[in-house]
Structure formats: structure tokens, C-alpha cells
Amino acid sequence: MNVVHNPIAALMVCLLATVIPVFFGKLAATPSWLSIQALALGWMTLNMHPQLDGHVVAVGLEILVVRGWLVPRLLRHTLSQRAASIDLIPSNLFAWGVAVALIILAFRFGDGARADARALTLGVIAVTVAIAFLVLATNHEPATQLVALLFMENALALFESLMPEPWPLPVHVAIASVYVGTVAVGGWLIRGQEAAHGTPPPHPEPKESPQ
């Protein structure tokens, strides 16, 4: 089978780019994993529409430029040195066990995923959403919650491959705007919060010595 026209391989890349950073990666590496997810989404677009036309070119540029380059770059500038060393989920057996259980249940949601590309797509979408909710539930660091939202929005973009007809270009523009707006507003809030917490407290007034 041609590697380019292989939706199973593209889905597996997208799945690994979602699961590996949750178990083994640090927050600092998530911009790179988001770029890999975007490349997998672009790969899926080629499989959905082997005939290149204006719509496919525009969607491909949106995926590569916005999801693969711009948003990871903005996220990388948002992460502070302290936040970059944080795990996406707590590094303990309980959190890992919950994550594994969610992955298994998500693939049961897309039953028969081993044999059918559409079922595997549904399974990958369910895994990505379940992992994002797990990150939101177990880690209250604002930057990790921002990453979880970006994972969910990539799952939404992957959902388009299950649609009988592709979304029109205005819908893609709106989704891309929301994607960029999420990281822009989230980064602004995170930087404002860190600046507020990093402001040193005012020095107390010197007390007058008793006469």
C-alpha cells in the first residue's frame, strides 16, 4: 500500500502524538507534539481528498500554517521555564491506570477499530477527548489545561474525516480562528497570572524606634 495514501498510518501517528506526551513527555515538549498532530491531520486530508483542488489546498495550508507552525510557536512563547518542566498528568500509577482504562474504553467506543479506518478514526477521536478531559481533571496548571483544549480542537478537526462532505471554507476559517484565539487568550491570561504572582509584595513601612 502507498504510504501516502494510508489512513491507518496517519491515524496511528495522530494517536501516538496524543498518548506519548501524556505518559512520557513534559509540558515543554507539547508544542512539538501538536505540530506532529497537525502533520497527521494534513496526512488525513490527503487521504480524504486525493484530488487536489482549491478547498484541499486551503485546508492543507490552514492545518500546516496554523496548527503545525503558528499555534505551537505561540504556545512555546507562553510556557515559562517553571511550567515547562511540569507533567501533563501526575506521574503515579493511579493516574496512569485511569489513562489506560480511558484509552481502552475509548477504543471500545469505536468497536472494530483494528479492521476499519472509520472505526479507528472514531477511536482516536474518543482517545484524544478522553485524554484531554483527564488532563483537565488531574492538573490545575493553566498551561496544561490550555494544551488539553488544543488537543480537543485537534480531535474536532479529525472528526471532519468522518463527514460525508467536507466543511465549507467559512467553517474552516471559523475553526482556525477559534484555535488561534484559544492559545492567544490562554497565553495572555497565563502571562498575566504569572506576572501577578511574580510581583514582589510591597515593602513594609519602617517602624519608628521608640524614644
C-alpha atoms as a PDB file:
ATOM      1  CA  MET A   1       0.000   0.000   0.000  1.00  0.00           C
ATOM      2  CA  ASN A   2       1.206   3.502  -0.802  1.00  0.00           C
ATOM      3  CA  VAL A   3       2.442   5.112   2.417  1.00  0.00           C
ATOM      4  CA  VAL A   4       0.993   8.492   1.486  1.00  0.00           C
ATOM      5  CA  HIS A   5      -2.479   7.077   0.861  1.00  0.00           C
ATOM      6  CA  ASN A   6      -2.605   5.109   4.102  1.00  0.00           C
ATOM      7  CA  PRO A   7      -5.181   6.467   6.575  1.00  0.00           C
ATOM      8  CA  ILE A   8      -4.322   3.810   9.179  1.00  0.00           C
ATOM      9  CA  ALA A   9      -0.719   5.028   9.377  1.00  0.00           C
ATOM     10  CA  ALA A  10      -1.849   8.667   9.634  1.00  0.00           C
ATOM     11  CA  LEU A  11      -4.259   7.785  12.447  1.00  0.00           C
ATOM     12  CA  MET A  12      -1.573   5.863  14.335  1.00  0.00           C
ATOM     13  CA  VAL A  13       0.770   8.866  14.128  1.00  0.00           C
ATOM     14  CA  CYS A  14      -2.002  11.101  15.479  1.00  0.00           C
ATOM     15  CA  LEU A  15      -2.728   8.608  18.274  1.00  0.00           C
ATOM     16  CA  LEU A  16       0.929   8.326  19.306  1.00  0.00           C
ATOM     17  CA  ALA A  17       1.319  12.123  19.265  1.00  0.00           C
ATOM     18  CA  THR A  18      -1.562  12.270  21.762  1.00  0.00           C
ATOM     19  CA  VAL A  19      -0.682   9.386  24.072  1.00  0.00           C
ATOM     20  CA  ILE A  20       3.128   9.634  24.318  1.00  0.00           C
ATOM     21  CA  PRO A  21       3.314  13.197  25.728  1.00  0.00           C
ATOM     22  CA  VAL A  22       0.683  12.362  28.350  1.00  0.00           C
ATOM     23  CA  PHE A  23       2.660   9.417  29.708  1.00  0.00           C
ATOM     24  CA  PHE A  24       6.273  10.301  28.979  1.00  0.00           C
ATOM     25  CA  GLY A  25       6.509  13.949  27.934  1.00  0.00           C
ATOM     26  CA  LYS A  26       6.860  17.255  29.708  1.00  0.00           C
ATOM     27  CA  LEU A  27       4.835  20.373  29.051  1.00  0.00           C
ATOM     28  CA  ALA A  28       7.812  21.895  27.232  1.00  0.00           C
ATOM     29  CA  ALA A  29       7.557  19.254  24.501  1.00  0.00           C
ATOM     30  CA  THR A  30       3.834  19.684  23.793  1.00  0.00           C
ATOM     31  CA  PRO A  31       4.294  22.320  21.027  1.00  0.00           C
ATOM     32  CA  SER A  32       6.288  19.758  19.052  1.00  0.00           C
ATOM     33  CA  TRP A  33       3.650  17.068  19.638  1.00  0.00           C
ATOM     34  CA  LEU A  34       0.941  19.479  18.478  1.00  0.00           C
ATOM     35  CA  SER A  35       2.925  20.015  15.282  1.00  0.00           C
ATOM     36  CA  ILE A  36       3.093  16.244  14.767  1.00  0.00           C
ATOM     37  CA  GLN A  37      -0.676  16.023  15.285  1.00  0.00           C
ATOM     38  CA  ALA A  38      -1.107  18.722  12.643  1.00  0.00           C
ATOM     39  CA  LEU A  39       1.079  16.808  10.181  1.00  0.00           C
ATOM     40  CA  ALA A  40      -1.055  13.714  10.804  1.00  0.00           C
ATOM     41  CA  LEU A  41      -4.212  15.782  10.181  1.00  0.00           C
ATOM     42  CA  GLY A  42      -2.715  17.030   6.923  1.00  0.00           C
ATOM     43  CA  TRP A  43      -1.913  13.441   6.020  1.00  0.00           C
ATOM     44  CA  MET A  44      -5.535  12.515   6.682  1.00  0.00           C
ATOM     45  CA  THR A  45      -6.655  15.382   4.424  1.00  0.00           C
ATOM     46  CA  LEU A  46      -4.633  13.904   1.564  1.00  0.00           C
ATOM     47  CA  ASN A  47      -6.316  10.563   2.137  1.00  0.00           C
ATOM     48  CA  MET A  48      -9.788  12.156   2.264  1.00  0.00           C
ATOM     49  CA  HIS A  49      -9.290  14.128  -0.964  1.00  0.00           C
ATOM     50  CA  PRO A  50      -6.633  12.596  -3.250  1.00  0.00           C
ATOM     51  CA  GLN A  51      -7.712  15.028  -5.989  1.00  0.00           C
ATOM     52  CA  LEU A  52      -6.099  18.360  -5.149  1.00  0.00           C
ATOM     53  CA  ASP A  53      -8.423  21.335  -5.581  1.00  0.00           C
ATOM     54  CA  GLY A  54      -8.768  24.782  -4.071  1.00  0.00           C
ATOM     55  CA  HIS A  55     -10.590  23.512  -0.995  1.00  0.00           C
ATOM     56  CA  VAL A  56      -7.951  20.872  -0.222  1.00  0.00           C
ATOM     57  CA  VAL A  57      -5.101  23.341  -0.707  1.00  0.00           C
ATOM     58  CA  ALA A  58      -6.759  25.904   1.590  1.00  0.00           C
ATOM     59  CA  VAL A  59      -7.467  23.293   4.276  1.00  0.00           C
ATOM     60  CA  GLY A  60      -3.925  21.935   3.993  1.00  0.00           C
ATOM     61  CA  LEU A  61      -2.455  25.408   4.412  1.00  0.00           C
ATOM     62  CA  GLU A  62      -4.709  26.030   7.430  1.00  0.00           C
ATOM     63  CA  ILE A  63      -3.527  22.806   9.046  1.00  0.00           C
ATOM     64  CA  LEU A  64       0.174  23.255   8.314  1.00  0.00           C
ATOM     65  CA  VAL A  65       0.465  27.009   8.926  1.00  0.00           C
ATOM     66  CA  VAL A  66      -1.995  27.489  11.800  1.00  0.00           C
ATOM     67  CA  ARG A  67      -1.940  24.128  13.596  1.00  0.00           C
ATOM     68  CA  GLY A  68       1.528  22.976  12.633  1.00  0.00           C
ATOM     69  CA  TRP A  69       3.504  26.216  12.998  1.00  0.00           C
ATOM     70  CA  LEU A  70       1.710  29.291  14.366  1.00  0.00           C
ATOM     71  CA  VAL A  71      -0.094  27.841  17.394  1.00  0.00           C
ATOM     72  CA  PRO A  72       2.851  25.674  18.586  1.00  0.00           C
ATOM     73  CA  ARG A  73       5.084  28.744  18.256  1.00  0.00           C
ATOM     74  CA  LEU A  74       2.670  30.872  20.319  1.00  0.00           C
ATOM     75  CA  LEU A  75       2.386  28.110  22.921  1.00  0.00           C
ATOM     76  CA  ARG A  76       6.159  27.795  23.166  1.00  0.00           C
ATOM     77  CA  HIS A  77       6.431  31.520  23.912  1.00  0.00           C
ATOM     78  CA  THR A  78       3.688  31.182  26.531  1.00  0.00           C
ATOM     79  CA  LEU A  79       5.361  28.436  28.557  1.00  0.00           C
ATOM     80  CA  SER A  80       7.526  29.713  31.366  1.00  0.00           C
ATOM     81  CA  GLN A  81      10.666  27.926  32.486  1.00  0.00           C
ATOM     82  CA  ARG A  82       8.869  26.653  35.601  1.00  0.00           C
ATOM     83  CA  ALA A  83       5.792  25.437  33.754  1.00  0.00           C
ATOM     84  CA  ALA A  84       7.820  23.744  31.021  1.00  0.00           C
ATOM     85  CA  SER A  85       9.029  21.013  33.403  1.00  0.00           C
ATOM     86  CA  ILE A  86       5.504  20.005  34.522  1.00  0.00           C
ATOM     87  CA  ASP A  87       3.929  16.658  33.599  1.00  0.00           C
ATOM     88  CA  LEU A  88       0.606  16.705  31.760  1.00  0.00           C
ATOM     89  CA  ILE A  89      -0.837  14.207  34.242  1.00  0.00           C
ATOM     90  CA  PRO A  90       0.588  13.256  37.672  1.00  0.00           C
ATOM     91  CA  SER A  91       3.357  10.666  37.407  1.00  0.00           C
ATOM     92  CA  ASN A  92       1.789   7.972  39.560  1.00  0.00           C
ATOM     93  CA  LEU A  93       0.291   4.544  38.958  1.00  0.00           C
ATOM     94  CA  PHE A  94      -3.256   5.685  39.761  1.00  0.00           C
ATOM     95  CA  ALA A  95      -3.288   8.419  37.092  1.00  0.00           C
ATOM     96  CA  TRP A  96      -1.601   6.121  34.583  1.00  0.00           C
ATOM     97  CA  GLY A  97      -4.112   3.351  35.326  1.00  0.00           C
ATOM     98  CA  VAL A  98      -7.015   5.733  34.759  1.00  0.00           C
ATOM     99  CA  ALA A  99      -5.437   6.885  31.485  1.00  0.00           C
ATOM    100  CA  VAL A 100      -5.004   3.307  30.237  1.00  0.00           C
ATOM    101  CA  ALA A 101      -8.608   2.463  31.209  1.00  0.00           C
ATOM    102  CA  LEU A 102      -9.887   5.523  29.329  1.00  0.00           C
ATOM    103  CA  ILE A 103      -7.913   4.568  26.218  1.00  0.00           C
ATOM    104  CA  ILE A 104      -9.353   1.041  26.280  1.00  0.00           C
ATOM    105  CA  LEU A 105     -12.893   2.342  26.784  1.00  0.00           C
ATOM    106  CA  ALA A 106     -12.422   4.894  24.018  1.00  0.00           C
ATOM    107  CA  PHE A 107     -11.435   2.204  21.545  1.00  0.00           C
ATOM    108  CA  ARG A 108     -14.396   0.112  22.627  1.00  0.00           C
ATOM    109  CA  PHE A 109     -16.455   3.149  21.626  1.00  0.00           C
ATOM    110  CA  GLY A 110     -15.015   2.737  18.143  1.00  0.00           C
ATOM    111  CA  ASP A 111     -15.547  -1.041  18.078  1.00  0.00           C
ATOM    112  CA  GLY A 112     -13.722  -2.910  15.339  1.00  0.00           C
ATOM    113  CA  ALA A 113     -11.044  -0.237  15.068  1.00  0.00           C
ATOM    114  CA  ARG A 114      -8.404  -2.755  14.089  1.00  0.00           C
ATOM    115  CA  ALA A 115     -10.097  -3.515  10.795  1.00  0.00           C
ATOM    116  CA  ASP A 116     -11.926  -0.369   9.701  1.00  0.00           C
ATOM    117  CA  ALA A 117     -10.409   3.091   9.133  1.00  0.00           C
ATOM    118  CA  ARG A 118     -13.601   4.911  10.105  1.00  0.00           C
ATOM    119  CA  ALA A 119     -13.885   2.959  13.351  1.00  0.00           C
ATOM    120  CA  LEU A 120     -10.212   3.618  14.088  1.00  0.00           C
ATOM    121  CA  THR A 121     -10.795   7.319  13.425  1.00  0.00           C
ATOM    122  CA  LEU A 122     -13.655   7.327  15.906  1.00  0.00           C
ATOM    123  CA  GLY A 123     -11.443   5.531  18.408  1.00  0.00           C
ATOM    124  CA  VAL A 124      -8.607   8.061  18.023  1.00  0.00           C
ATOM    125  CA  ILE A 125     -11.079  10.938  18.432  1.00  0.00           C
ATOM    126  CA  ALA A 126     -12.503   9.338  21.581  1.00  0.00           C
ATOM    127  CA  VAL A 127      -8.993   8.727  22.993  1.00  0.00           C
ATOM    128  CA  THR A 128      -7.961  12.337  22.349  1.00  0.00           C
ATOM    129  CA  VAL A 129     -11.069  13.760  24.010  1.00  0.00           C
ATOM    130  CA  ALA A 130     -10.801  11.341  26.973  1.00  0.00           C
ATOM    131  CA  ILE A 131      -7.118  12.205  27.479  1.00  0.00           C
ATOM    132  CA  ALA A 132      -7.920  15.918  27.308  1.00  0.00           C
ATOM    133  CA  PHE A 133     -10.619  15.564  29.968  1.00  0.00           C
ATOM    134  CA  LEU A 134      -8.198  13.560  32.136  1.00  0.00           C
ATOM    135  CA  VAL A 135      -5.615  16.348  31.902  1.00  0.00           C
ATOM    136  CA  LEU A 136      -8.269  18.926  32.803  1.00  0.00           C
ATOM    137  CA  ALA A 137      -9.361  16.832  35.814  1.00  0.00           C
ATOM    138  CA  THR A 138      -5.941  15.960  37.230  1.00  0.00           C
ATOM    139  CA  ASN A 139      -3.760  19.001  36.560  1.00  0.00           C
ATOM    140  CA  HIS A 140      -4.787  22.515  37.558  1.00  0.00           C
ATOM    141  CA  GLU A 141      -1.766  24.195  35.946  1.00  0.00           C
ATOM    142  CA  PRO A 142      -3.217  26.749  33.465  1.00  0.00           C
ATOM    143  CA  ALA A 143      -0.745  25.845  30.725  1.00  0.00           C
ATOM    144  CA  THR A 144      -1.642  22.141  30.842  1.00  0.00           C
ATOM    145  CA  GLN A 145      -5.344  22.975  30.672  1.00  0.00           C
ATOM    146  CA  LEU A 146      -4.635  25.119  27.605  1.00  0.00           C
ATOM    147  CA  VAL A 147      -2.883  22.148  25.985  1.00  0.00           C
ATOM    148  CA  ALA A 148      -5.897  19.938  26.795  1.00  0.00           C
ATOM    149  CA  LEU A 149      -8.189  22.388  24.985  1.00  0.00           C
ATOM    150  CA  LEU A 150      -5.905  22.350  21.938  1.00  0.00           C
ATOM    151  CA  PHE A 151      -5.992  18.542  21.937  1.00  0.00           C
ATOM    152  CA  MET A 152      -9.804  18.697  21.918  1.00  0.00           C
ATOM    153  CA  GLU A 153      -9.819  21.099  18.978  1.00  0.00           C
ATOM    154  CA  ASN A 154      -7.500  18.792  17.015  1.00  0.00           C
ATOM    155  CA  ALA A 155      -9.969  15.977  17.726  1.00  0.00           C
ATOM    156  CA  LEU A 156     -12.696  18.199  16.255  1.00  0.00           C
ATOM    157  CA  ALA A 157     -10.620  18.699  13.108  1.00  0.00           C
ATOM    158  CA  LEU A 158     -10.117  14.939  12.858  1.00  0.00           C
ATOM    159  CA  PHE A 159     -13.873  14.442  13.153  1.00  0.00           C
ATOM    160  CA  GLU A 160     -14.281  16.102   9.746  1.00  0.00           C
ATOM    161  CA  SER A 161     -12.825  12.985   8.114  1.00  0.00           C
ATOM    162  CA  LEU A 162     -15.985  11.115   9.179  1.00  0.00           C
ATOM    163  CA  MET A 163     -18.271  13.613   7.449  1.00  0.00           C
ATOM    164  CA  PRO A 164     -19.728  12.627   4.053  1.00  0.00           C
ATOM    165  CA  GLU A 165     -18.944  16.117   2.733  1.00  0.00           C
ATOM    166  CA  PRO A 166     -16.098  18.398   3.897  1.00  0.00           C
ATOM    167  CA  TRP A 167     -16.963  21.513   5.815  1.00  0.00           C
ATOM    168  CA  PRO A 168     -17.129  24.709   3.711  1.00  0.00           C
ATOM    169  CA  LEU A 169     -14.230  27.130   3.845  1.00  0.00           C
ATOM    170  CA  PRO A 170     -16.000  29.681   6.141  1.00  0.00           C
ATOM    171  CA  VAL A 171     -16.367  26.919   8.739  1.00  0.00           C
ATOM    172  CA  HIS A 172     -12.649  26.145   8.464  1.00  0.00           C
ATOM    173  CA  VAL A 173     -11.832  29.829   8.877  1.00  0.00           C
ATOM    174  CA  ALA A 174     -14.022  29.999  11.994  1.00  0.00           C
ATOM    175  CA  ILE A 175     -12.447  26.858  13.485  1.00  0.00           C
ATOM    176  CA  ALA A 176      -8.931  28.125  12.742  1.00  0.00           C
ATOM    177  CA  SER A 177      -9.811  31.471  14.364  1.00  0.00           C
ATOM    178  CA  VAL A 178     -11.065  29.693  17.482  1.00  0.00           C
ATOM    179  CA  TYR A 179      -7.886  27.575  17.571  1.00  0.00           C
ATOM    180  CA  VAL A 180      -5.612  30.619  17.369  1.00  0.00           C
ATOM    181  CA  GLY A 181      -7.851  32.578  19.748  1.00  0.00           C
ATOM    182  CA  THR A 182      -7.681  29.784  22.322  1.00  0.00           C
ATOM    183  CA  VAL A 183      -3.906  29.850  22.557  1.00  0.00           C
ATOM    184  CA  ALA A 184      -3.729  33.659  22.266  1.00  0.00           C
ATOM    185  CA  VAL A 185      -6.260  34.359  25.035  1.00  0.00           C
ATOM    186  CA  GLY A 186      -4.945  31.481  27.144  1.00  0.00           C
ATOM    187  CA  GLY A 187      -1.375  32.715  26.792  1.00  0.00           C
ATOM    188  CA  TRP A 188      -2.398  36.252  27.709  1.00  0.00           C
ATOM    189  CA  LEU A 189      -4.190  35.020  30.845  1.00  0.00           C
ATOM    190  CA  ILE A 190      -1.287  32.777  31.837  1.00  0.00           C
ATOM    191  CA  ARG A 191       1.283  35.548  31.420  1.00  0.00           C
ATOM    192  CA  GLY A 192      -0.929  37.940  33.381  1.00  0.00           C
ATOM    193  CA  GLN A 193      -1.333  35.419  36.194  1.00  0.00           C
ATOM    194  CA  GLU A 194       2.404  34.734  36.351  1.00  0.00           C
ATOM    195  CA  ALA A 195       3.166  38.447  36.348  1.00  0.00           C
ATOM    196  CA  ALA A 196       0.707  38.978  39.206  1.00  0.00           C
ATOM    197  CA  HIS A 197       2.200  36.153  41.264  1.00  0.00           C
ATOM    198  CA  GLY A 198       5.725  37.231  40.441  1.00  0.00           C
ATOM    199  CA  THR A 199       5.220  40.818  41.638  1.00  0.00           C
ATOM    200  CA  PRO A 200       7.099  41.230  44.905  1.00  0.00           C
ATOM    201  CA  PRO A 201       4.983  42.368  47.850  1.00  0.00           C
ATOM    202  CA  PRO A 202       5.313  45.990  48.866  1.00  0.00           C
ATOM    203  CA  HIS A 203       7.971  46.702  51.443  1.00  0.00           C
ATOM    204  CA  PRO A 204       6.540  47.480  54.887  1.00  0.00           C
ATOM    205  CA  GLU A 205       6.908  50.947  56.259  1.00  0.00           C
ATOM    206  CA  PRO A 206       9.903  51.176  58.601  1.00  0.00           C
ATOM    207  CA  LYS A 207       8.760  51.380  62.167  1.00  0.00           C
ATOM    208  CA  GLU A 208       9.835  54.324  64.210  1.00  0.00           C
ATOM    209  CA  SER A 209      12.171  53.437  67.028  1.00  0.00           C
ATOM    210  CA  PRO A 210      10.735  54.154  70.468  1.00  0.00           C
ATOM    211  CA  GLN A 211      12.009  57.333  72.036  1.00  0.00           C
END
